[in-house]
C-alpha atoms as a PDB file:
ATOM      1  CA  UNK A   1      -0.060   0.070   0.124  1.00  0.00           C
ATOM      2  CA  UNK A   2       1.704   3.132  -1.237  1.00  0.00           C
ATOM      3  CA  UNK A   3       1.828   6.319   0.829  1.00  0.00           C
ATOM      4  CA  UNK A   4       1.752   9.809  -0.388  1.00  0.00           C
ATOM      5  CA  UNK A   5       2.413  11.225   3.254  1.00  0.00           C
ATOM      6  CA  UNK A   6       6.020  11.320   3.286  1.00  0.00           C
ATOM      7  CA  UNK A   7       7.888  14.876   2.957  1.00  0.00           C
ATOM      8  CA  UNK A   8      10.349  15.250   0.246  1.00  0.00           C
ATOM      9  CA  UNK A   9      12.988  17.959  -0.691  1.00  0.00           C
ATOM     10  CA  UNK A  10      14.408  20.748   1.343  1.00  0.00           C
ATOM     11  CA  UNK A  11      12.658  22.673   3.810  1.00  0.00           C
ATOM     12  CA  UNK A  12      11.999  23.177   7.479  1.00  0.00           C
ATOM     13  CA  UNK A  13      12.127  19.957   9.553  1.00  0.00           C
ATOM     14  CA  UNK A  14       8.784  18.404  10.012  1.00  0.00           C
ATOM     15  CA  UNK A  15       6.878  19.197  13.324  1.00  0.00           C
ATOM     16  CA  UNK A  16       5.770  16.371  15.141  1.00  0.00           C
ATOM     17  CA  UNK A  17      -0.430  19.427  16.196  1.00  0.00           C
ATOM     18  CA  UNK A  18      -1.719  16.470  17.859  1.00  0.00           C
ATOM     19  CA  UNK A  19      -5.425  15.290  17.578  1.00  0.00           C
ATOM     20  CA  UNK A  20      -6.153  15.262  21.325  1.00  0.00           C
ATOM     21  CA  UNK A  21      -8.726  17.181  23.291  1.00  0.00           C
ATOM     22  CA  UNK A  22      -7.964  16.077  26.813  1.00  0.00           C
ATOM     23  CA  UNK A  23      -6.092  18.231  29.170  1.00  0.00           C
ATOM     24  CA  UNK A  24      -2.721  17.348  30.805  1.00  0.00           C
ATOM     25  CA  UNK A  25      -1.460  18.437  34.107  1.00  0.00           C
ATOM     26  CA  UNK A  26       1.539  20.503  34.509  1.00  0.00           C
ATOM     27  CA  UNK A  27       3.278  17.745  36.687  1.00  0.00           C
ATOM     28  CA  UNK A  28       7.004  17.099  36.106  1.00  0.00           C
ATOM     29  CA  UNK A  29       7.671  14.749  33.336  1.00  0.00           C
ATOM     30  CA  UNK A  30       8.753  11.200  34.320  1.00  0.00           C
ATOM     31  CA  UNK A  31      11.714  10.063  32.189  1.00  0.00           C
ATOM     32  CA  UNK A  32      10.328   7.009  29.929  1.00  0.00           C
ATOM     33  CA  UNK A  33      12.151   4.277  27.808  1.00  0.00           C
ATOM     34  CA  UNK A  34      11.157   5.029  24.272  1.00  0.00           C
ATOM     35  CA  UNK A  35      11.498   2.934  21.240  1.00  0.00           C
ATOM     36  CA  UNK A  36      11.554   4.746  17.787  1.00  0.00           C
ATOM     37  CA  UNK A  37      10.938   2.907  14.578  1.00  0.00           C
ATOM     38  CA  UNK A  38      10.961   4.527  11.108  1.00  0.00           C
ATOM     39  CA  UNK A  39      12.315   3.311   7.774  1.00  0.00           C
ATOM     40  CA  UNK A  40      13.741   6.735   7.149  1.00  0.00           C
ATOM     41  CA  UNK A  41      16.966   7.328   9.098  1.00  0.00           C
ATOM     42  CA  UNK A  42      16.618  11.091   8.808  1.00  0.00           C
ATOM     43  CA  UNK A  43      13.321  10.877  10.580  1.00  0.00           C
ATOM     44  CA  UNK A  44      14.818   8.606  13.290  1.00  0.00           C
ATOM     45  CA  UNK A  45      17.590  10.814  14.015  1.00  0.00           C
ATOM     46  CA  UNK A  46      15.170  13.956  14.258  1.00  0.00           C
ATOM     47  CA  UNK A  47      12.745  12.141  16.421  1.00  0.00           C
ATOM     48  CA  UNK A  48      15.466  10.781  18.666  1.00  0.00           C
ATOM     49  CA  UNK A  49      16.649  14.415  19.224  1.00  0.00           C
ATOM     50  CA  UNK A  50      13.022  15.512  20.044  1.00  0.00           C
ATOM     51  CA  UNK A  51      12.608  12.616  22.629  1.00  0.00           C
ATOM     52  CA  UNK A  52      15.862  13.159  24.281  1.00  0.00           C
ATOM     53  CA  UNK A  53      15.043  16.912  24.552  1.00  0.00           C
ATOM     54  CA  UNK A  54      11.876  15.980  26.261  1.00  0.00           C
ATOM     55  CA  UNK A  55      14.029  14.246  28.978  1.00  0.00           C
ATOM     56  CA  UNK A  56      13.152  10.595  27.971  1.00  0.00           C
ATOM     57  CA  UNK A  57      15.752   7.781  27.042  1.00  0.00           C
ATOM     58  CA  UNK A  58      15.772   6.438  23.571  1.00  0.00           C
ATOM     59  CA  UNK A  59      16.466   2.804  24.061  1.00  0.00           C
ATOM     60  CA  UNK A  60      16.416   1.854  20.455  1.00  0.00           C
ATOM     61  CA  UNK A  61      16.063   3.366  16.977  1.00  0.00           C
ATOM     62  CA  UNK A  62      15.165   0.776  14.216  1.00  0.00           C
ATOM     63  CA  UNK A  63      14.303   0.658  10.505  1.00  0.00           C
ATOM     64  CA  UNK A  64      14.523  -2.899   9.847  1.00  0.00           C
ATOM     65  CA  UNK A  65      11.222  -4.935  10.491  1.00  0.00           C
ATOM     66  CA  UNK A  66      13.122  -7.938  10.999  1.00  0.00           C
ATOM     67  CA  UNK A  67      14.920  -6.365  14.004  1.00  0.00           C
ATOM     68  CA  UNK A  68      12.262  -4.236  15.621  1.00  0.00           C
ATOM     69  CA  UNK A  69      10.681  -7.316  17.407  1.00  0.00           C
ATOM     70  CA  UNK A  70      13.973  -8.396  19.001  1.00  0.00           C
ATOM     71  CA  UNK A  71      14.613  -4.791  20.033  1.00  0.00           C
ATOM     72  CA  UNK A  72      11.280  -4.432  21.747  1.00  0.00           C
ATOM     73  CA  UNK A  73      11.661  -7.735  23.557  1.00  0.00           C
ATOM     74  CA  UNK A  74      15.286  -6.847  24.596  1.00  0.00           C
ATOM     75  CA  UNK A  75      14.689  -3.305  25.809  1.00  0.00           C
ATOM     76  CA  UNK A  76      11.079  -3.378  27.261  1.00  0.00           C
ATOM     77  CA  UNK A  77      10.300   0.228  26.430  1.00  0.00           C
ATOM     78  CA  UNK A  78       7.408   2.140  27.914  1.00  0.00           C
ATOM     79  CA  UNK A  79       5.979   3.406  24.810  1.00  0.00           C
ATOM     80  CA  UNK A  80       6.932   2.900  21.073  1.00  0.00           C
ATOM     81  CA  UNK A  81       6.726   5.569  18.445  1.00  0.00           C
ATOM     82  CA  UNK A  82       6.575   4.665  14.765  1.00  0.00           C
ATOM     83  CA  UNK A  83       6.737   6.961  12.004  1.00  0.00           C
ATOM     84  CA  UNK A  84       5.416   6.733   8.402  1.00  0.00           C
ATOM     85  CA  UNK A  85       8.109   6.774   5.905  1.00  0.00           C
ATOM     86  CA  UNK A  86       8.272   5.768   2.397  1.00  0.00           C
ATOM     87  CA  UNK A  87       5.874   3.036   2.482  1.00  0.00           C
ATOM     88  CA  UNK A  88       2.722   2.712   4.846  1.00  0.00           C
ATOM     89  CA  UNK A  89       3.030  -1.075   4.561  1.00  0.00           C
ATOM     90  CA  UNK A  90       6.503  -0.937   6.175  1.00  0.00           C
ATOM     91  CA  UNK A  91       5.139   1.171   8.845  1.00  0.00           C
ATOM     92  CA  UNK A  92       2.315  -1.071   9.539  1.00  0.00           C
ATOM     93  CA  UNK A  93       4.686  -4.176   9.663  1.00  0.00           C
ATOM     94  CA  UNK A  94       6.738  -2.318  12.323  1.00  0.00           C
ATOM     95  CA  UNK A  95       3.582  -1.633  14.355  1.00  0.00           C
ATOM     96  CA  UNK A  96       2.585  -5.351  14.034  1.00  0.00           C
ATOM     97  CA  UNK A  97       5.928  -6.508  15.263  1.00  0.00           C
ATOM     98  CA  UNK A  98       6.197  -4.178  18.052  1.00  0.00           C
ATOM     99  CA  UNK A  99       2.479  -5.034  19.349  1.00  0.00           C
ATOM    100  CA  UNK A 100       3.470  -8.812  19.168  1.00  0.00           C
ATOM    101  CA  UNK A 101       6.542  -8.551  21.151  1.00  0.00           C
ATOM    102  CA  UNK A 102       5.531  -5.799  23.958  1.00  0.00           C
ATOM    103  CA  UNK A 103       3.133  -4.795  26.400  1.00  0.00           C
ATOM    104  CA  UNK A 104       3.498  -1.100  25.619  1.00  0.00           C
ATOM    105  CA  UNK A 105       1.504   1.149  23.666  1.00  0.00           C
ATOM    106  CA  UNK A 106       2.432   2.191  20.172  1.00  0.00           C
ATOM    107  CA  UNK A 107       1.888   5.510  18.958  1.00  0.00           C
ATOM    108  CA  UNK A 108       1.907   6.357  15.097  1.00  0.00           C
ATOM    109  CA  UNK A 109       3.317   9.630  13.862  1.00  0.00           C
ATOM    110  CA  UNK A 110       1.764  10.936  10.698  1.00  0.00           C
ATOM    111  CA  UNK A 111       2.488  14.050   8.717  1.00  0.00           C
ATOM    112  CA  UNK A 112      -1.028  14.348   7.510  1.00  0.00           C
ATOM    113  CA  UNK A 113      -4.385  12.606   8.116  1.00  0.00           C
ATOM    114  CA  UNK A 114      -4.822   9.302   6.452  1.00  0.00           C
ATOM    115  CA  UNK A 115      -7.938   7.572   7.309  1.00  0.00           C
ATOM    116  CA  UNK A 116      -6.869   4.347   5.334  1.00  0.00           C
ATOM    117  CA  UNK A 117      -3.686   3.977   7.401  1.00  0.00           C
ATOM    118  CA  UNK A 118      -5.158   4.790  10.644  1.00  0.00           C
ATOM    119  CA  UNK A 119      -7.760   2.056  10.108  1.00  0.00           C
ATOM    120  CA  UNK A 120      -5.061  -0.466   9.200  1.00  0.00           C
ATOM    121  CA  UNK A 121      -2.753   0.541  12.049  1.00  0.00           C
ATOM    122  CA  UNK A 122      -5.581   0.056  14.415  1.00  0.00           C
ATOM    123  CA  UNK A 123      -6.320  -3.490  13.088  1.00  0.00           C
ATOM    124  CA  UNK A 124      -2.532  -3.952  13.700  1.00  0.00           C
ATOM    125  CA  UNK A 125      -2.718  -2.784  17.302  1.00  0.00           C
ATOM    126  CA  UNK A 126      -1.718   0.627  17.402  1.00  0.00           C
ATOM    127  CA  UNK A 127      -3.178   2.577  20.415  1.00  0.00           C
ATOM    128  CA  UNK A 128      -2.957   6.103  19.288  1.00  0.00           C
ATOM    129  CA  UNK A 129      -1.738   8.522  16.561  1.00  0.00           C
ATOM    130  CA  UNK A 130      -0.679  12.115  16.282  1.00  0.00           C
ATOM    131  CA  UNK A 131      -0.538  14.381  13.338  1.00  0.00           C
ATOM    132  CA  UNK A 132       2.291  16.714  12.672  1.00  0.00           C
ATOM    133  CA  UNK A 133       3.076  17.685  16.263  1.00  0.00           C
ATOM    134  CA  UNK A 134       5.589  20.007  18.083  1.00  0.00           C
ATOM    135  CA  UNK A 135       7.525  18.448  20.899  1.00  0.00           C
ATOM    136  CA  UNK A 136       5.437  19.846  23.730  1.00  0.00           C
ATOM    137  CA  UNK A 137       2.219  18.270  22.140  1.00  0.00           C
ATOM    138  CA  UNK A 138       4.131  15.012  21.516  1.00  0.00           C
ATOM    139  CA  UNK A 139       4.761  14.958  25.324  1.00  0.00           C
ATOM    140  CA  UNK A 140       1.117  15.602  26.008  1.00  0.00           C
ATOM    141  CA  UNK A 141       0.170  12.661  23.603  1.00  0.00           C
ATOM    142  CA  UNK A 142       2.656  10.205  25.239  1.00  0.00           C
ATOM    143  CA  UNK A 143       1.161  11.247  28.668  1.00  0.00           C
ATOM    144  CA  UNK A 144      -2.517  10.776  27.570  1.00  0.00           C
ATOM    145  CA  UNK A 145      -1.667   7.579  25.729  1.00  0.00           C
ATOM    146  CA  UNK A 146       0.094   6.013  28.717  1.00  0.00           C
ATOM    147  CA  UNK A 147      -2.807   6.975  30.997  1.00  0.00           C
ATOM    148  CA  UNK A 148      -5.452   5.671  28.645  1.00  0.00           C
ATOM    149  CA  UNK A 149      -3.374   2.608  28.042  1.00  0.00           C
ATOM    150  CA  UNK A 150      -3.383   1.880  31.877  1.00  0.00           C
ATOM    151  CA  UNK A 151      -7.039   2.375  32.043  1.00  0.00           C
ATOM    152  CA  UNK A 152      -7.633  -0.041  29.286  1.00  0.00           C
ATOM    153  CA  UNK A 153      -5.664  -2.817  30.928  1.00  0.00           C
ATOM    154  CA  UNK A 154      -7.355  -1.970  34.247  1.00  0.00           C
ATOM    155  CA  UNK A 155     -10.734  -2.403  32.359  1.00  0.00           C
ATOM    156  CA  UNK A 156      -9.455  -5.702  30.777  1.00  0.00           C
ATOM    157  CA  UNK A 157      -8.562  -6.902  34.269  1.00  0.00           C
ATOM    158  CA  UNK A 158     -11.722  -6.054  35.529  1.00  0.00           C
ATOM    159  CA  UNK A 159     -13.466  -7.983  32.728  1.00  0.00           C
ATOM    160  CA  UNK A 160     -11.192 -11.044  33.401  1.00  0.00           C
ATOM    161  CA  UNK A 161     -11.887 -10.962  37.176  1.00  0.00           C
ATOM    162  CA  UNK A 162     -15.663 -10.885  36.544  1.00  0.00           C
ATOM    163  CA  UNK A 163     -15.419 -13.846  34.175  1.00  0.00           C
ATOM    164  CA  UNK A 164     -13.593 -15.947  36.669  1.00  0.00           C
ATOM    165  CA  UNK A 165     -16.113 -15.140  39.302  1.00  0.00           C
ATOM    166  CA  UNK A 166     -18.962 -16.123  36.837  1.00  0.00           C
ATOM    167  CA  UNK A 167     -17.044 -19.503  36.174  1.00  0.00           C
ATOM    168  CA  UNK A 168     -16.901 -20.162  39.805  1.00  0.00           C
ATOM    169  CA  UNK A 169     -20.469 -19.368  40.336  1.00  0.00           C
ATOM    170  CA  UNK A 170     -21.291 -21.740  37.591  1.00  0.00           C
ATOM    171  CA  UNK A 171     -19.412 -24.563  38.954  1.00  0.00           C
ATOM    172  CA  UNK A 172     -20.993 -24.139  42.491  1.00  0.00           C
ATOM    173  CA  UNK A 173     -24.543 -23.806  41.142  1.00  0.00           C
ATOM    174  CA  UNK A 174     -23.978 -27.148  39.110  1.00  0.00           C
ATOM    175  CA  UNK A 175     -22.265 -28.931  42.186  1.00  0.00           C
ATOM    176  CA  UNK A 176     -24.809 -27.738  44.763  1.00  0.00           C
ATOM    177  CA  UNK A 177     -27.899 -27.241  42.636  1.00  0.00           C
ATOM    178  CA  UNK A 178     -28.311 -23.678  44.101  1.00  0.00           C
ATOM    179  CA  UNK A 179     -29.128 -20.344  42.518  1.00  0.00           C
ATOM    180  CA  UNK A 180     -26.540 -17.692  41.057  1.00  0.00           C
ATOM    181  CA  UNK A 181     -27.251 -15.501  44.260  1.00  0.00           C
ATOM    182  CA  UNK A 182     -26.574 -18.490  46.503  1.00  0.00           C
ATOM    183  CA  UNK A 183     -23.292 -19.232  44.818  1.00  0.00           C
ATOM    184  CA  UNK A 184     -22.157 -15.692  44.972  1.00  0.00           C
ATOM    185  CA  UNK A 185     -22.950 -15.795  48.748  1.00  0.00           C
ATOM    186  CA  UNK A 186     -20.784 -18.784  49.115  1.00  0.00           C
ATOM    187  CA  UNK A 187     -17.935 -17.141  47.320  1.00  0.00           C
ATOM    188  CA  UNK A 188     -18.214 -13.896  49.439  1.00  0.00           C
ATOM    189  CA  UNK A 189     -18.690 -15.651  52.704  1.00  0.00           C
ATOM    190  CA  UNK A 190     -15.628 -17.977  52.060  1.00  0.00           C
ATOM    191  CA  UNK A 191     -13.615 -14.894  51.083  1.00  0.00           C
ATOM    192  CA  UNK A 192     -14.556 -12.844  54.279  1.00  0.00           C
ATOM    193  CA  UNK A 193     -13.723 -16.033  56.495  1.00  0.00           C
ATOM    194  CA  UNK A 194     -10.442 -16.827  54.869  1.00  0.00           C
ATOM    195  CA  UNK A 195      -9.255 -13.125  54.129  1.00  0.00           C
ATOM    196  CA  UNK A 196      -8.579 -13.940  50.654  1.00  0.00           C
ATOM    197  CA  UNK A 197      -9.817 -11.701  47.798  1.00  0.00           C
ATOM    198  CA  UNK A 198     -12.874 -12.929  46.172  1.00  0.00           C
ATOM    199  CA  UNK A 199     -11.265 -13.246  42.683  1.00  0.00           C
ATOM    200  CA  UNK A 200      -8.589 -15.533  44.388  1.00  0.00           C
ATOM    201  CA  UNK A 201     -11.252 -17.701  45.812  1.00  0.00           C
ATOM    202  CA  UNK A 202     -13.098 -17.945  42.525  1.00  0.00           C
ATOM    203  CA  UNK A 203      -9.943 -18.582  40.768  1.00  0.00           C
ATOM    204  CA  UNK A 204      -8.987 -21.333  43.155  1.00  0.00           C
ATOM    205  CA  UNK A 205     -12.297 -22.974  42.523  1.00  0.00           C
ATOM    206  CA  UNK A 206     -11.995 -22.994  38.680  1.00  0.00           C
ATOM    207  CA  UNK A 207      -8.430 -24.198  38.698  1.00  0.00           C
ATOM    208  CA  UNK A 208      -9.496 -27.096  41.140  1.00  0.00           C
ATOM    209  CA  UNK A 209     -12.443 -27.931  38.795  1.00  0.00           C
ATOM    210  CA  UNK A 210     -10.190 -28.119  35.777  1.00  0.00           C
ATOM    211  CA  UNK A 211      -7.639 -30.239  37.478  1.00  0.00           C
ATOM    212  CA  UNK A 212     -10.375 -32.782  38.831  1.00  0.00           C
ATOM    213  CA  UNK A 213     -12.131 -33.115  35.421  1.00  0.00           C
ATOM    214  CA  UNK A 214     -11.413 -36.488  33.919  1.00  0.00           C
ATOM    215  CA  UNK A 215      -9.066 -36.405  30.735  1.00  0.00           C
ATOM    216  CA  UNK A 216     -11.176 -36.503  27.709  1.00  0.00           C
ATOM    217  CA  UNK A 217      -9.898 -39.929  26.841  1.00  0.00           C
ATOM    218  CA  UNK A 218     -11.236 -41.439  29.881  1.00  0.00           C
ATOM    219  CA  UNK A 219     -14.698 -40.375  29.558  1.00  0.00           C
END
């Protein structure tokens, strides 16, 4: 998929204005470990300077799709910035490799809006994008992305905890021929008596049930 977003020729260096509408506090910036990936070396060097100027550590700069996954695994970055170079497909492959190997959010850096690329990047796992932004706005974008990323993982954790509790309730309902309310009361009462978290009690029931089930070949 060809891209018409790259800048060519001489002229002022590209800015990095972000499409964010949330406000960010003026708290002191926490230094982050940032991985930068772009197929254009001139953009890598420029962005590395911007990131360092914001007080962060650039842990890796990568051009090759074959190397970016290993660099991500090795460096454990807090956030990854992927710029669009000559080819949008190359940028998409960089995003996919980083997402596959890391638990950090990936931000795509674009020079202009590109709905097709943004949609494809979202399918590959990109968490946010910014368009033609200055350093201060890039910092705001990073702050917001990290906060939203943490909230997303908290929400995912809540869904997983709820799913485990529902599984445990189902096991108790089948075992004791009781209602969902009674099953939950059993979980809650045991949690209170033992001092364990409700989700830990539920998890123990689910794990025990899985271990006690007969192997499929013996049924």
